[in-house]
Amino acid sequence: MKLTTVIPAVLNQIRPGATFMSVMGYENNYHEVSDFGIVFHVSYRRAVERALRIVTLHVPQDEIERRARLELMSSFEMTLAAGHNPLATSAHVYEPIVDGNDRLIRGVKWFNGGREVHLWGFLVHKRIISLGEYPEENWGVLRSAKWRLKERAGLNRFRQFKLVEGRFDHIGVEGLTLDQRHLLEELS
């Protein structure tokens, strides 16, 4: 998908390596508002490779941990082989974003279900401004064991941000400040 708005054009011009970015006043799906510090342009592939090494070395304490470990290893291996996990039910709804010169913008994708730009980054810090209302989690023991292993491997620190009008105040990166109007504002 070619987007000719200001945000994708700027994101493609920042340093191509890992770059610190602030996402300020971001409201999630549960109406929590927070400020985030993330590292943008981080290689998710390298993070999955590292997570696979860590999970592979983990010695399970019981049958649930053993199953969680095997399922995560399988998922990570599929991700590395295909570039994404083919079992992910949402993988087909995202399209890469290219700028006006047809250059891929890493870490940003278009959600083809609506006018949404999704940004990915590695969480460095989070400051909650106002609490949201979260549903009560009813995780099973296997899902909880997988989450603990992903947490140990650091993969749970990747965050996705839905950049749509009304969901964030601004993004700060390399001395630039981009707000909501830049998401929709066409390049001149």
N, C-alpha and C. Protein backbone atom coordinates (compact mmCIF):
# COMPACT_ATOMS: atom_id res chain seq x y z
N MET A 1 0.86 -1.18 0.00
CA MET A 1 0.00 0.00 0.00
C MET A 1 0.90 1.23 0.00
N LYS A 2 0.65 2.13 -0.92
CA LYS A 2 1.42 3.37 -0.99
C LYS A 2 0.66 4.45 -0.25
N LEU A 3 1.28 4.99 0.79
CA LEU A 3 0.69 6.10 1.52
C LEU A 3 1.54 7.33 1.27
N THR A 4 0.90 8.41 0.95
CA THR A 4 1.63 9.63 0.65
C THR A 4 1.37 10.68 1.72
N THR A 5 1.09 10.24 2.95
CA THR A 5 0.89 11.18 4.03
C THR A 5 2.22 11.45 4.73
N VAL A 6 2.22 12.41 5.63
CA VAL A 6 3.45 12.88 6.26
C VAL A 6 4.10 11.81 7.13
N ILE A 7 3.33 11.11 7.97
CA ILE A 7 3.95 10.16 8.90
C ILE A 7 4.77 9.08 8.19
N PRO A 8 4.23 8.34 7.21
CA PRO A 8 5.06 7.33 6.55
C PRO A 8 6.28 7.93 5.85
N ALA A 9 6.13 9.11 5.26
CA ALA A 9 7.25 9.74 4.59
C ALA A 9 8.37 10.06 5.57
N VAL A 10 8.02 10.55 6.76
CA VAL A 10 9.02 10.88 7.77
C VAL A 10 9.65 9.62 8.34
N LEU A 11 8.83 8.61 8.63
CA LEU A 11 9.36 7.38 9.22
C LEU A 11 10.35 6.69 8.30
N ASN A 12 10.20 6.84 7.00
CA ASN A 12 11.13 6.23 6.08
C ASN A 12 12.45 7.01 5.99
N GLN A 13 12.46 8.26 6.45
CA GLN A 13 13.66 9.07 6.35
C GLN A 13 14.50 9.07 7.61
N ILE A 14 13.98 8.53 8.71
CA ILE A 14 14.79 8.49 9.92
C ILE A 14 15.84 7.40 9.80
N ARG A 15 16.77 7.43 10.70
CA ARG A 15 17.86 6.46 10.72
C ARG A 15 17.31 5.04 10.51
N PRO A 16 17.91 4.26 9.60
CA PRO A 16 17.37 2.94 9.31
C PRO A 16 17.60 1.92 10.42
N GLY A 17 18.56 2.16 11.31
CA GLY A 17 18.80 1.23 12.41
C GLY A 17 17.86 1.53 13.57
N ALA A 18 18.05 0.80 14.64
CA ALA A 18 17.22 0.98 15.84
C ALA A 18 17.25 2.44 16.28
N THR A 19 16.08 3.01 16.50
CA THR A 19 15.92 4.43 16.80
C THR A 19 14.92 4.60 17.93
N PHE A 20 15.24 5.45 18.90
CA PHE A 20 14.30 5.71 19.98
C PHE A 20 13.16 6.58 19.47
N MET A 21 11.96 6.27 19.96
CA MET A 21 10.77 7.00 19.55
C MET A 21 9.85 7.11 20.77
N SER A 22 9.14 8.21 20.86
CA SER A 22 8.13 8.39 21.90
C SER A 22 6.76 8.37 21.26
N VAL A 23 5.85 7.64 21.87
CA VAL A 23 4.45 7.66 21.46
C VAL A 23 3.71 8.22 22.66
N MET A 24 3.25 9.45 22.54
CA MET A 24 2.70 10.17 23.69
C MET A 24 1.18 10.23 23.64
N GLY A 25 0.59 10.08 24.83
CA GLY A 25 -0.86 10.18 24.95
C GLY A 25 -1.59 9.11 24.16
N TYR A 26 -1.03 7.90 24.12
CA TYR A 26 -1.63 6.81 23.34
C TYR A 26 -2.75 6.16 24.14
N GLU A 27 -3.92 6.02 23.52
CA GLU A 27 -5.05 5.35 24.15
C GLU A 27 -5.22 3.96 23.54
N ASN A 28 -5.16 2.94 24.39
CA ASN A 28 -5.30 1.57 23.88
C ASN A 28 -6.77 1.17 23.77
N ASN A 29 -7.01 -0.06 23.42
CA ASN A 29 -8.39 -0.55 23.22
C ASN A 29 -9.21 -0.57 24.50
N TYR A 30 -8.54 -0.48 25.65
CA TYR A 30 -9.24 -0.51 26.94
C TYR A 30 -9.30 0.88 27.58
N HIS A 31 -9.02 1.91 26.78
CA HIS A 31 -9.11 3.31 27.17
C HIS A 31 -8.06 3.73 28.19
N GLU A 32 -7.00 2.94 28.33
CA GLU A 32 -5.87 3.38 29.13
C GLU A 32 -5.06 4.36 28.29
N VAL A 33 -4.65 5.47 28.88
CA VAL A 33 -3.83 6.46 28.18
C VAL A 33 -2.44 6.43 28.81
N SER A 34 -1.42 6.28 27.96
CA SER A 34 -0.05 6.16 28.44
C SER A 34 0.91 6.84 27.49
N ASP A 35 2.09 7.15 28.02
CA ASP A 35 3.22 7.61 27.21
C ASP A 35 4.19 6.43 27.11
N PHE A 36 4.72 6.20 25.92
CA PHE A 36 5.63 5.08 25.70
C PHE A 36 6.95 5.57 25.14
N GLY A 37 8.01 4.93 25.55
CA GLY A 37 9.31 5.04 24.92
C GLY A 37 9.58 3.70 24.27
N ILE A 38 9.80 3.71 22.97
CA ILE A 38 10.05 2.45 22.26
C ILE A 38 11.30 2.58 21.41
N VAL A 39 11.80 1.45 20.98
CA VAL A 39 12.86 1.42 19.97
C VAL A 39 12.18 0.96 18.69
N PHE A 40 12.27 1.81 17.69
CA PHE A 40 11.65 1.60 16.39
C PHE A 40 12.72 1.08 15.44
N HIS A 41 12.32 0.38 14.40
CA HIS A 41 13.23 -0.23 13.43
C HIS A 41 14.07 -1.34 14.05
N VAL A 42 13.56 -1.98 15.10
CA VAL A 42 14.23 -3.12 15.69
C VAL A 42 13.89 -4.35 14.87
N SER A 43 14.84 -5.22 14.70
CA SER A 43 14.59 -6.44 13.93
C SER A 43 13.81 -7.44 14.76
N TYR A 44 12.55 -7.65 14.39
CA TYR A 44 11.73 -8.64 15.08
C TYR A 44 12.30 -10.03 14.84
N ARG A 45 12.81 -10.26 13.65
CA ARG A 45 13.42 -11.56 13.32
C ARG A 45 14.54 -11.90 14.29
N ARG A 46 15.43 -10.94 14.53
CA ARG A 46 16.53 -11.18 15.48
C ARG A 46 16.01 -11.43 16.88
N ALA A 47 14.95 -10.73 17.25
CA ALA A 47 14.36 -10.93 18.57
C ALA A 47 13.78 -12.34 18.68
N VAL A 48 13.16 -12.83 17.61
CA VAL A 48 12.60 -14.19 17.62
C VAL A 48 13.74 -15.21 17.68
N GLU A 49 14.82 -14.97 16.94
CA GLU A 49 15.98 -15.87 16.98
C GLU A 49 16.53 -15.96 18.41
N ARG A 50 16.66 -14.81 19.06
CA ARG A 50 17.16 -14.77 20.44
C ARG A 50 16.19 -15.48 21.38
N ALA A 51 14.89 -15.22 21.22
CA ALA A 51 13.88 -15.86 22.06
C ALA A 51 13.91 -17.37 21.88
N LEU A 52 14.10 -17.84 20.65
CA LEU A 52 14.17 -19.28 20.39
C LEU A 52 15.35 -19.89 21.13
N ARG A 53 16.50 -19.22 21.10
CA ARG A 53 17.67 -19.74 21.83
C ARG A 53 17.39 -19.82 23.33
N ILE A 54 16.77 -18.78 23.88
CA ILE A 54 16.49 -18.75 25.32
C ILE A 54 15.48 -19.83 25.70
N VAL A 55 14.41 -19.94 24.93
CA VAL A 55 13.37 -20.93 25.24
C VAL A 55 13.90 -22.35 25.05
N THR A 56 14.75 -22.56 24.05
CA THR A 56 15.34 -23.88 23.82
C THR A 56 16.17 -24.33 25.02
N LEU A 57 16.87 -23.38 25.64
CA LEU A 57 17.73 -23.71 26.79
C LEU A 57 16.96 -23.85 28.09
N HIS A 58 15.72 -23.42 28.10
CA HIS A 58 14.92 -23.48 29.32
C HIS A 58 14.66 -24.94 29.70
N VAL A 59 14.85 -25.25 30.97
CA VAL A 59 14.57 -26.59 31.48
C VAL A 59 13.20 -26.57 32.15
N PRO A 60 12.21 -27.24 31.54
CA PRO A 60 10.85 -27.22 32.10
C PRO A 60 10.80 -27.88 33.48
N GLN A 61 9.94 -27.31 34.32
CA GLN A 61 9.78 -27.85 35.67
C GLN A 61 8.64 -28.87 35.76
N ASP A 62 7.75 -28.86 34.76
CA ASP A 62 6.63 -29.79 34.78
C ASP A 62 6.11 -29.99 33.36
N GLU A 63 5.07 -30.78 33.21
CA GLU A 63 4.51 -31.10 31.89
C GLU A 63 3.93 -29.86 31.19
N ILE A 64 3.31 -28.97 31.94
CA ILE A 64 2.74 -27.75 31.34
C ILE A 64 3.85 -26.89 30.76
N GLU A 65 4.93 -26.69 31.51
CA GLU A 65 6.07 -25.91 30.99
C GLU A 65 6.70 -26.59 29.78
N ARG A 66 6.75 -27.93 29.79
CA ARG A 66 7.32 -28.65 28.66
C ARG A 66 6.48 -28.40 27.41
N ARG A 67 5.14 -28.48 27.54
CA ARG A 67 4.25 -28.21 26.40
C ARG A 67 4.35 -26.77 25.93
N ALA A 68 4.40 -25.85 26.88
CA ALA A 68 4.52 -24.43 26.53
C ALA A 68 5.81 -24.18 25.77
N ARG A 69 6.88 -24.77 26.25
CA ARG A 69 8.19 -24.62 25.60
C ARG A 69 8.15 -25.16 24.17
N LEU A 70 7.61 -26.37 23.98
CA LEU A 70 7.55 -26.97 22.65
C LEU A 70 6.67 -26.16 21.70
N GLU A 71 5.53 -25.68 22.18
CA GLU A 71 4.63 -24.89 21.33
C GLU A 71 5.27 -23.56 20.95
N LEU A 72 5.95 -22.90 21.89
CA LEU A 72 6.63 -21.64 21.57
C LEU A 72 7.77 -21.89 20.58
N MET A 73 8.56 -22.93 20.80
CA MET A 73 9.65 -23.22 19.88
C MET A 73 9.11 -23.46 18.46
N SER A 74 8.02 -24.20 18.35
CA SER A 74 7.41 -24.45 17.05
C SER A 74 6.93 -23.14 16.40
N SER A 75 6.29 -22.31 17.19
CA SER A 75 5.80 -21.02 16.68
C SER A 75 6.96 -20.15 16.21
N PHE A 76 8.03 -20.08 17.01
CA PHE A 76 9.19 -19.27 16.64
C PHE A 76 9.83 -19.80 15.37
N GLU A 77 9.94 -21.12 15.26
CA GLU A 77 10.54 -21.72 14.06
C GLU A 77 9.71 -21.43 12.82
N MET A 78 8.38 -21.48 12.93
CA MET A 78 7.51 -21.13 11.79
C MET A 78 7.69 -19.67 11.41
N THR A 79 7.79 -18.81 12.40
CA THR A 79 7.99 -17.38 12.13
C THR A 79 9.29 -17.16 11.38
N LEU A 80 10.35 -17.83 11.81
CA LEU A 80 11.65 -17.66 11.16
C LEU A 80 11.66 -18.26 9.75
N ALA A 81 10.95 -19.36 9.55
CA ALA A 81 10.93 -20.00 8.23
C ALA A 81 10.11 -19.21 7.22
N ALA A 82 8.97 -18.65 7.65
CA ALA A 82 8.05 -18.00 6.71
C ALA A 82 8.13 -16.48 6.75
N GLY A 83 8.83 -15.92 7.74
CA GLY A 83 8.85 -14.47 7.89
C GLY A 83 7.70 -13.97 8.74
N HIS A 84 6.76 -14.85 9.03
CA HIS A 84 5.63 -14.59 9.92
C HIS A 84 5.09 -15.95 10.33
N ASN A 85 4.30 -15.97 11.36
CA ASN A 85 3.73 -17.24 11.78
C ASN A 85 2.48 -17.50 10.95
N PRO A 86 2.51 -18.53 10.10
CA PRO A 86 1.36 -18.80 9.23
C PRO A 86 0.09 -19.19 10.01
N LEU A 87 0.24 -19.55 11.28
CA LEU A 87 -0.92 -19.87 12.09
C LEU A 87 -1.57 -18.63 12.69
N ALA A 88 -0.90 -17.49 12.59
CA ALA A 88 -1.47 -16.25 13.13
C ALA A 88 -2.72 -15.90 12.34
N THR A 89 -3.82 -15.77 13.02
CA THR A 89 -5.10 -15.55 12.33
C THR A 89 -5.22 -14.16 11.74
N SER A 90 -4.39 -13.22 12.18
CA SER A 90 -4.51 -11.84 11.69
C SER A 90 -3.44 -11.47 10.67
N ALA A 91 -2.51 -12.36 10.39
CA ALA A 91 -1.37 -12.01 9.53
C ALA A 91 -1.81 -11.51 8.15
N HIS A 92 -2.87 -12.04 7.60
CA HIS A 92 -3.30 -11.70 6.24
C HIS A 92 -3.94 -10.31 6.14
N VAL A 93 -4.26 -9.67 7.26
CA VAL A 93 -4.96 -8.39 7.18
C VAL A 93 -4.02 -7.19 7.12
N TYR A 94 -2.73 -7.41 7.24
CA TYR A 94 -1.76 -6.31 7.21
C TYR A 94 -1.05 -6.25 5.87
N GLU A 95 -0.82 -5.03 5.42
CA GLU A 95 -0.05 -4.82 4.19
C GLU A 95 1.14 -3.95 4.53
N PRO A 96 2.29 -4.21 3.92
CA PRO A 96 3.43 -3.31 4.13
C PRO A 96 3.12 -1.92 3.56
N ILE A 97 3.75 -0.93 4.10
CA ILE A 97 3.57 0.45 3.62
C ILE A 97 4.85 0.86 2.90
N VAL A 98 4.68 1.45 1.75
CA VAL A 98 5.80 2.01 1.02
C VAL A 98 5.58 3.51 0.88
N ASP A 99 6.69 4.23 0.75
CA ASP A 99 6.57 5.67 0.59
C ASP A 99 6.35 6.03 -0.88
N GLY A 100 6.38 7.31 -1.19
CA GLY A 100 6.15 7.78 -2.56
C GLY A 100 7.16 7.28 -3.56
N ASN A 101 8.32 6.80 -3.07
CA ASN A 101 9.36 6.26 -3.96
C ASN A 101 9.40 4.74 -3.95
N ASP A 102 8.32 4.11 -3.48
CA ASP A 102 8.18 2.66 -3.41
C ASP A 102 9.20 1.97 -2.51
N ARG A 103 9.69 2.69 -1.49
CA ARG A 103 10.60 2.09 -0.51
C ARG A 103 9.78 1.59 0.69
N LEU A 104 10.05 0.35 1.10
CA LEU A 104 9.37 -0.25 2.23
C LEU A 104 9.71 0.51 3.51
N ILE A 105 8.70 0.77 4.32
CA ILE A 105 8.90 1.42 5.61
C ILE A 105 8.80 0.33 6.67
N ARG A 106 9.92 -0.03 7.25
CA ARG A 106 9.95 -1.11 8.24
C ARG A 106 9.29 -0.67 9.54
N GLY A 107 8.59 -1.61 10.19
CA GLY A 107 7.99 -1.34 11.49
C GLY A 107 6.63 -0.68 11.42
N VAL A 108 6.12 -0.47 10.21
CA VAL A 108 4.81 0.16 10.02
C VAL A 108 4.04 -0.65 8.99
N LYS A 109 2.77 -0.90 9.27
CA LYS A 109 1.94 -1.63 8.31
C LYS A 109 0.56 -1.01 8.26
N TRP A 110 -0.09 -1.24 7.16
CA TRP A 110 -1.44 -0.77 6.91
C TRP A 110 -2.40 -1.89 7.29
N PHE A 111 -3.42 -1.56 8.05
CA PHE A 111 -4.47 -2.53 8.37
C PHE A 111 -5.56 -2.30 7.35
N ASN A 112 -5.77 -3.29 6.49
CA ASN A 112 -6.68 -3.06 5.36
C ASN A 112 -8.15 -3.13 5.72
N GLY A 113 -8.45 -3.27 6.99
CA GLY A 113 -9.85 -3.24 7.40
C GLY A 113 -10.36 -1.83 7.60
N GLY A 114 -9.52 -0.85 7.48
CA GLY A 114 -9.92 0.55 7.68
C GLY A 114 -8.71 1.44 7.53
N ARG A 115 -8.89 2.70 7.79
CA ARG A 115 -7.77 3.64 7.64
C ARG A 115 -6.94 3.64 8.93
N GLU A 116 -6.15 2.61 9.08
CA GLU A 116 -5.33 2.46 10.28
C GLU A 116 -3.89 2.17 9.89
N VAL A 117 -2.99 2.89 10.51
CA VAL A 117 -1.57 2.61 10.39
C VAL A 117 -1.15 1.97 11.70
N HIS A 118 -0.49 0.83 11.63
CA HIS A 118 -0.02 0.13 12.82
C HIS A 118 1.50 0.22 12.88
N LEU A 119 1.98 0.62 14.04
CA LEU A 119 3.41 0.83 14.28
C LEU A 119 3.87 -0.19 15.31
N TRP A 120 5.02 -0.81 15.07
CA TRP A 120 5.58 -1.78 16.01
C TRP A 120 6.88 -1.25 16.57
N GLY A 121 7.14 -1.58 17.84
CA GLY A 121 8.40 -1.21 18.46
C GLY A 121 8.65 -2.03 19.71
N PHE A 122 9.87 -1.96 20.19
CA PHE A 122 10.29 -2.66 21.39
C PHE A 122 10.16 -1.72 22.58
N LEU A 123 9.36 -2.09 23.56
CA LEU A 123 9.06 -1.24 24.70
C LEU A 123 10.28 -1.02 25.58
N VAL A 124 10.58 0.26 25.84
CA VAL A 124 11.65 0.63 26.75
C VAL A 124 11.04 1.09 28.08
N HIS A 125 10.04 1.94 28.00
CA HIS A 125 9.34 2.36 29.22
C HIS A 125 7.91 2.77 28.89
N LYS A 126 7.09 2.75 29.94
CA LYS A 126 5.69 3.11 29.81
C LYS A 126 5.29 3.88 31.06
N ARG A 127 4.61 5.01 30.85
CA ARG A 127 4.08 5.79 31.97
C ARG A 127 2.58 5.91 31.76
N ILE A 128 1.82 5.37 32.71
CA ILE A 128 0.37 5.39 32.61
C ILE A 128 -0.14 6.75 33.07
N ILE A 129 -0.94 7.39 32.22
CA ILE A 129 -1.53 8.68 32.54
C ILE A 129 -2.90 8.47 33.18
N SER A 130 -3.71 7.63 32.57
CA SER A 130 -5.00 7.28 33.17
C SER A 130 -5.28 5.80 32.92
N LEU A 131 -5.76 5.14 33.96
CA LEU A 131 -6.01 3.71 33.88
C LEU A 131 -7.20 3.39 32.99
N GLY A 132 -7.14 2.26 32.35
CA GLY A 132 -8.25 1.78 31.54
C GLY A 132 -9.07 0.77 32.30
N GLU A 133 -10.06 0.23 31.63
CA GLU A 133 -10.89 -0.81 32.22
C GLU A 133 -10.63 -2.10 31.46
N TYR A 134 -9.90 -3.00 32.10
CA TYR A 134 -9.52 -4.26 31.47
C TYR A 134 -10.48 -5.37 31.89
N PRO A 135 -10.80 -6.26 30.96
CA PRO A 135 -11.63 -7.41 31.35
C PRO A 135 -10.82 -8.34 32.23
N GLU A 136 -11.50 -9.11 33.03
CA GLU A 136 -10.81 -10.08 33.87
C GLU A 136 -10.22 -11.17 32.98
N GLU A 137 -8.93 -11.44 33.18
CA GLU A 137 -8.26 -12.47 32.38
C GLU A 137 -8.65 -13.85 32.89
N ASN A 138 -8.91 -14.72 31.98
CA ASN A 138 -9.26 -16.09 32.34
C ASN A 138 -8.33 -17.02 31.57
N TRP A 139 -7.03 -16.80 31.75
CA TRP A 139 -6.04 -17.59 31.05
C TRP A 139 -5.94 -18.98 31.64
N GLY A 140 -5.75 -19.94 30.79
CA GLY A 140 -5.48 -21.30 31.25
C GLY A 140 -4.02 -21.42 31.67
N VAL A 141 -3.69 -22.53 32.25
CA VAL A 141 -2.32 -22.72 32.74
C VAL A 141 -1.31 -22.77 31.61
N LEU A 142 -1.67 -23.33 30.47
CA LEU A 142 -0.74 -23.40 29.34
C LEU A 142 -0.45 -22.01 28.80
N ARG A 143 -1.47 -21.21 28.60
CA ARG A 143 -1.27 -19.85 28.10
C ARG A 143 -0.43 -19.03 29.08
N SER A 144 -0.67 -19.19 30.37
CA SER A 144 0.13 -18.48 31.38
C SER A 144 1.59 -18.93 31.33
N ALA A 145 1.82 -20.22 31.15
CA ALA A 145 3.19 -20.73 31.07
C ALA A 145 3.90 -20.18 29.83
N LYS A 146 3.19 -20.09 28.70
CA LYS A 146 3.78 -19.52 27.48
C LYS A 146 4.13 -18.06 27.70
N TRP A 147 3.24 -17.32 28.35
CA TRP A 147 3.49 -15.89 28.60
C TRP A 147 4.74 -15.71 29.46
N ARG A 148 4.90 -16.54 30.50
CA ARG A 148 6.08 -16.44 31.36
C ARG A 148 7.36 -16.73 30.57
N LEU A 149 7.32 -17.71 29.67
CA LEU A 149 8.49 -18.01 28.85
C LEU A 149 8.79 -16.88 27.87
N LYS A 150 7.75 -16.32 27.25
CA LYS A 150 7.96 -15.18 26.34
C LYS A 150 8.51 -13.98 27.10
N GLU A 151 8.05 -13.81 28.32
CA GLU A 151 8.54 -12.72 29.17
C GLU A 151 10.03 -12.93 29.48
N ARG A 152 10.40 -14.14 29.81
CA ARG A 152 11.80 -14.46 30.10
C ARG A 152 12.67 -14.21 28.86
N ALA A 153 12.13 -14.49 27.68
CA ALA A 153 12.88 -14.33 26.43
C ALA A 153 12.84 -12.89 25.91
N GLY A 154 12.02 -12.03 26.52
CA GLY A 154 11.96 -10.62 26.12
C GLY A 154 11.03 -10.32 24.97
N LEU A 155 10.41 -11.32 24.39
CA LEU A 155 9.57 -11.11 23.21
C LEU A 155 8.26 -10.41 23.55
N ASN A 156 7.84 -10.47 24.79
CA ASN A 156 6.60 -9.82 25.18
C ASN A 156 6.73 -8.30 25.24
N ARG A 157 7.94 -7.77 25.04
CA ARG A 157 8.15 -6.32 25.08
C ARG A 157 7.89 -5.65 23.73
N PHE A 158 7.59 -6.42 22.70
CA PHE A 158 7.21 -5.81 21.42
C PHE A 158 5.78 -5.33 21.56
N ARG A 159 5.54 -4.10 21.12
CA ARG A 159 4.21 -3.51 21.23
C ARG A 159 3.76 -3.02 19.86
N GLN A 160 2.47 -3.05 19.68
CA GLN A 160 1.86 -2.55 18.46
C GLN A 160 0.99 -1.36 18.84
N PHE A 161 1.05 -0.31 18.04
CA PHE A 161 0.27 0.89 18.27
C PHE A 161 -0.61 1.14 17.06
N LYS A 162 -1.90 1.33 17.29
CA LYS A 162 -2.85 1.62 16.23
C LYS A 162 -2.92 3.14 16.11
N LEU A 163 -2.33 3.67 15.05
CA LEU A 163 -2.30 5.12 14.85
C LEU A 163 -3.50 5.55 14.02
N VAL A 164 -4.54 5.95 14.71
CA VAL A 164 -5.73 6.48 14.06
C VAL A 164 -6.09 7.77 14.79
N GLU A 165 -6.84 8.59 14.11
CA GLU A 165 -7.25 9.86 14.69
C GLU A 165 -7.96 9.63 16.02
N GLY A 166 -7.53 10.36 17.03
CA GLY A 166 -8.14 10.27 18.35
C GLY A 166 -7.48 9.28 19.28
N ARG A 167 -6.48 8.51 18.81
CA ARG A 167 -5.85 7.48 19.64
C ARG A 167 -4.49 7.88 20.19
N PHE A 168 -3.90 8.98 19.73
CA PHE A 168 -2.59 9.39 20.24
C PHE A 168 -2.46 10.90 20.12
N ASP A 169 -1.62 11.47 20.99
CA ASP A 169 -1.37 12.91 20.91
C ASP A 169 -0.31 13.21 19.86
N HIS A 170 0.86 12.60 20.04
CA HIS A 170 1.92 12.82 19.07
C HIS A 170 3.01 11.76 19.19
N ILE A 171 3.84 11.71 18.16
CA ILE A 171 5.00 10.83 18.11
C ILE A 171 6.22 11.73 18.05
N GLY A 172 7.22 11.41 18.82
CA GLY A 172 8.49 12.15 18.77
C GLY A 172 9.60 11.21 18.33
N VAL A 173 10.36 11.63 17.32
CA VAL A 173 11.47 10.82 16.84
C VAL A 173 12.51 11.73 16.20
N GLU A 174 13.76 11.56 16.59
CA GLU A 174 14.89 12.31 16.04
C GLU A 174 14.61 13.81 15.95
N GLY A 175 14.07 14.37 17.02
CA GLY A 175 13.83 15.80 17.08
C GLY A 175 12.57 16.27 16.35
N LEU A 176 11.84 15.34 15.78
CA LEU A 176 10.61 15.69 15.07
C LEU A 176 9.40 15.34 15.92
N THR A 177 8.34 16.12 15.78
CA THR A 177 7.09 15.83 16.45
C THR A 177 6.01 15.69 15.38
N LEU A 178 5.35 14.55 15.41
CA LEU A 178 4.28 14.27 14.45
C LEU A 178 3.00 14.05 15.23
N ASP A 179 1.94 14.76 14.83
CA ASP A 179 0.68 14.57 15.54
C ASP A 179 -0.35 13.93 14.61
N GLN A 180 -1.58 13.87 15.09
CA GLN A 180 -2.63 13.17 14.35
C GLN A 180 -2.88 13.74 12.96
N ARG A 181 -2.78 15.04 12.83
CA ARG A 181 -3.07 15.61 11.50
C ARG A 181 -2.06 15.14 10.46
N HIS A 182 -0.82 14.78 10.89
CA HIS A 182 0.18 14.29 9.96
C HIS A 182 -0.18 12.91 9.41
N LEU A 183 -0.99 12.17 10.15
CA LEU A 183 -1.40 10.84 9.70
C LEU A 183 -2.26 10.94 8.44
N LEU A 184 -3.05 11.98 8.38
CA LEU A 184 -3.98 12.15 7.26
C LEU A 184 -3.52 13.19 6.25
N GLU A 185 -2.60 14.04 6.66
CA GLU A 185 -2.17 15.16 5.81
C GLU A 185 -1.34 14.65 4.64
N GLU A 186 -1.77 14.96 3.46
CA GLU A 186 -1.07 14.56 2.25
C GLU A 186 0.20 15.39 2.08
N LEU A 187 1.22 14.77 1.52
CA LEU A 187 2.45 15.49 1.21
C LEU A 187 2.16 16.49 0.09
N SER A 188 2.81 17.65 0.19
CA SER A 188 2.60 18.61 -0.90
C SER A 188 3.71 18.54 -1.92
